[in-house]
């Protein structure tokens, strides 16, 4: 599996996780940290776009702010499409 396809799959999985409670945020943060660790270990030369660092760290904000969550998910979905079509 390529880094792009791995990341696309994981971003879609993360976006599908619930973020309605403190426990959800804690689980989301752990899963996101696992994704980042795997990327660093298995694909050390793969560079992330800057906005993804916010996606990985802003779960608490997305839990509280549906508009922010929607904007981030839209940007991540667009990025996933680029990863899957080889334009990124």
C-alpha atoms as a PDB file:
ATOM      1  CA  UNK A   1       0.000   0.000   0.000  1.00  0.00           C
ATOM      2  CA  UNK A   2       1.266   3.451  -0.822  1.00  0.00           C
ATOM      3  CA  UNK A   3       1.476   6.268   1.720  1.00  0.00           C
ATOM      4  CA  UNK A   4      -1.230   8.190  -0.136  1.00  0.00           C
ATOM      5  CA  UNK A   5      -3.704   5.307  -0.059  1.00  0.00           C
ATOM      6  CA  UNK A   6      -2.920   4.487   3.569  1.00  0.00           C
ATOM      7  CA  UNK A   7      -3.473   8.115   4.552  1.00  0.00           C
ATOM      8  CA  UNK A   8      -6.667   8.412   2.480  1.00  0.00           C
ATOM      9  CA  UNK A   9      -8.117   5.298   4.149  1.00  0.00           C
ATOM     10  CA  UNK A  10      -7.169   6.504   7.624  1.00  0.00           C
ATOM     11  CA  UNK A  11      -8.485  10.031   7.125  1.00  0.00           C
ATOM     12  CA  UNK A  12     -11.835   8.638   5.984  1.00  0.00           C
ATOM     13  CA  UNK A  13     -11.921   6.332   9.005  1.00  0.00           C
ATOM     14  CA  UNK A  14     -11.089   9.177  11.384  1.00  0.00           C
ATOM     15  CA  UNK A  15     -13.778  11.421   9.889  1.00  0.00           C
ATOM     16  CA  UNK A  16     -16.351   8.659  10.458  1.00  0.00           C
ATOM     17  CA  UNK A  17     -15.557   8.342  14.166  1.00  0.00           C
ATOM     18  CA  UNK A  18     -18.001   9.964  16.579  1.00  0.00           C
ATOM     19  CA  UNK A  19     -16.983  13.175  18.357  1.00  0.00           C
ATOM     20  CA  UNK A  20     -19.841  13.794  20.747  1.00  0.00           C
ATOM     21  CA  UNK A  21     -18.229  13.281  24.147  1.00  0.00           C
ATOM     22  CA  UNK A  22     -14.965  13.620  26.034  1.00  0.00           C
ATOM     23  CA  UNK A  23     -14.479   9.864  25.649  1.00  0.00           C
ATOM     24  CA  UNK A  24     -14.978  10.143  21.874  1.00  0.00           C
ATOM     25  CA  UNK A  25     -12.339  12.890  21.722  1.00  0.00           C
ATOM     26  CA  UNK A  26      -9.890  10.775  23.732  1.00  0.00           C
ATOM     27  CA  UNK A  27     -10.416   7.783  21.437  1.00  0.00           C
ATOM     28  CA  UNK A  28     -10.149   9.986  18.345  1.00  0.00           C
ATOM     29  CA  UNK A  29      -6.895  11.517  19.605  1.00  0.00           C
ATOM     30  CA  UNK A  30      -5.398   8.071  20.254  1.00  0.00           C
ATOM     31  CA  UNK A  31      -6.400   6.821  16.816  1.00  0.00           C
ATOM     32  CA  UNK A  32      -5.021   9.969  15.161  1.00  0.00           C
ATOM     33  CA  UNK A  33      -1.730   9.586  17.049  1.00  0.00           C
ATOM     34  CA  UNK A  34      -1.518   5.973  15.857  1.00  0.00           C
ATOM     35  CA  UNK A  35      -2.012   7.103  12.249  1.00  0.00           C
ATOM     36  CA  UNK A  36       0.720   9.715  12.584  1.00  0.00           C
ATOM     37  CA  UNK A  37       3.104   7.187  14.159  1.00  0.00           C
ATOM     38  CA  UNK A  38       2.487   4.699  11.363  1.00  0.00           C
ATOM     39  CA  UNK A  39       3.068   7.390   8.742  1.00  0.00           C
ATOM     40  CA  UNK A  40       6.348   8.407  10.370  1.00  0.00           C
ATOM     41  CA  UNK A  41       7.577   4.797  10.663  1.00  0.00           C
ATOM     42  CA  UNK A  42       6.368   3.287   7.399  1.00  0.00           C
ATOM     43  CA  UNK A  43       6.431   6.346   5.149  1.00  0.00           C
ATOM     44  CA  UNK A  44       9.074   8.708   6.609  1.00  0.00           C
ATOM     45  CA  UNK A  45       9.436  10.712   3.380  1.00  0.00           C
ATOM     46  CA  UNK A  46       5.720  11.440   2.989  1.00  0.00           C
ATOM     47  CA  UNK A  47       4.975  15.075   3.760  1.00  0.00           C
ATOM     48  CA  UNK A  48       1.660  16.154   5.216  1.00  0.00           C
ATOM     49  CA  UNK A  49      -0.094  19.323   4.161  1.00  0.00           C
ATOM     50  CA  UNK A  50      -0.119  21.863   6.987  1.00  0.00           C
ATOM     51  CA  UNK A  51      -3.888  21.825   7.530  1.00  0.00           C
ATOM     52  CA  UNK A  52      -3.711  18.128   8.444  1.00  0.00           C
ATOM     53  CA  UNK A  53      -1.725  18.984  11.560  1.00  0.00           C
ATOM     54  CA  UNK A  54      -4.764  20.998  12.664  1.00  0.00           C
ATOM     55  CA  UNK A  55      -7.075  18.138  11.762  1.00  0.00           C
ATOM     56  CA  UNK A  56      -5.007  15.778  13.909  1.00  0.00           C
ATOM     57  CA  UNK A  57      -4.985  18.143  16.898  1.00  0.00           C
ATOM     58  CA  UNK A  58      -8.358  19.948  16.816  1.00  0.00           C
ATOM     59  CA  UNK A  59     -10.700  17.105  17.767  1.00  0.00           C
ATOM     60  CA  UNK A  60     -11.840  18.949  20.889  1.00  0.00           C
ATOM     61  CA  UNK A  61     -12.830  21.964  18.798  1.00  0.00           C
ATOM     62  CA  UNK A  62     -14.690  19.815  16.244  1.00  0.00           C
ATOM     63  CA  UNK A  63     -16.567  18.183  19.127  1.00  0.00           C
ATOM     64  CA  UNK A  64     -17.877  21.589  20.241  1.00  0.00           C
ATOM     65  CA  UNK A  65     -18.244  23.413  16.921  1.00  0.00           C
ATOM     66  CA  UNK A  66     -20.206  21.708  14.141  1.00  0.00           C
ATOM     67  CA  UNK A  67     -19.343  24.438  11.630  1.00  0.00           C
ATOM     68  CA  UNK A  68     -15.628  24.021  12.257  1.00  0.00           C
ATOM     69  CA  UNK A  69     -16.009  20.232  11.974  1.00  0.00           C
ATOM     70  CA  UNK A  70     -17.836  20.612   8.670  1.00  0.00           C
ATOM     71  CA  UNK A  71     -15.173  22.934   7.229  1.00  0.00           C
ATOM     72  CA  UNK A  72     -12.347  20.621   8.282  1.00  0.00           C
ATOM     73  CA  UNK A  73     -14.128  17.534   6.976  1.00  0.00           C
ATOM     74  CA  UNK A  74     -14.748  19.247   3.636  1.00  0.00           C
ATOM     75  CA  UNK A  75     -11.046  20.146   3.318  1.00  0.00           C
ATOM     76  CA  UNK A  76      -9.949  16.654   4.348  1.00  0.00           C
ATOM     77  CA  UNK A  77     -12.427  15.030   1.948  1.00  0.00           C
ATOM     78  CA  UNK A  78     -11.034  17.135  -0.901  1.00  0.00           C
ATOM     79  CA  UNK A  79      -7.505  16.100   0.088  1.00  0.00           C
ATOM     80  CA  UNK A  80      -8.523  12.425   0.215  1.00  0.00           C
ATOM     81  CA  UNK A  81      -9.884  12.714  -3.328  1.00  0.00           C
ATOM     82  CA  UNK A  82      -6.564  14.186  -4.486  1.00  0.00           C
ATOM     83  CA  UNK A  83      -4.650  11.394  -2.731  1.00  0.00           C
ATOM     84  CA  UNK A  84      -6.799   8.734  -4.347  1.00  0.00           C
ATOM     85  CA  UNK A  85      -6.491  10.254  -7.818  1.00  0.00           C
ATOM     86  CA  UNK A  86      -2.749  10.794  -7.621  1.00  0.00           C
ATOM     87  CA  UNK A  87      -2.881  14.565  -7.829  1.00  0.00           C
ATOM     88  CA  UNK A  88      -1.151  15.037  -4.489  1.00  0.00           C
END
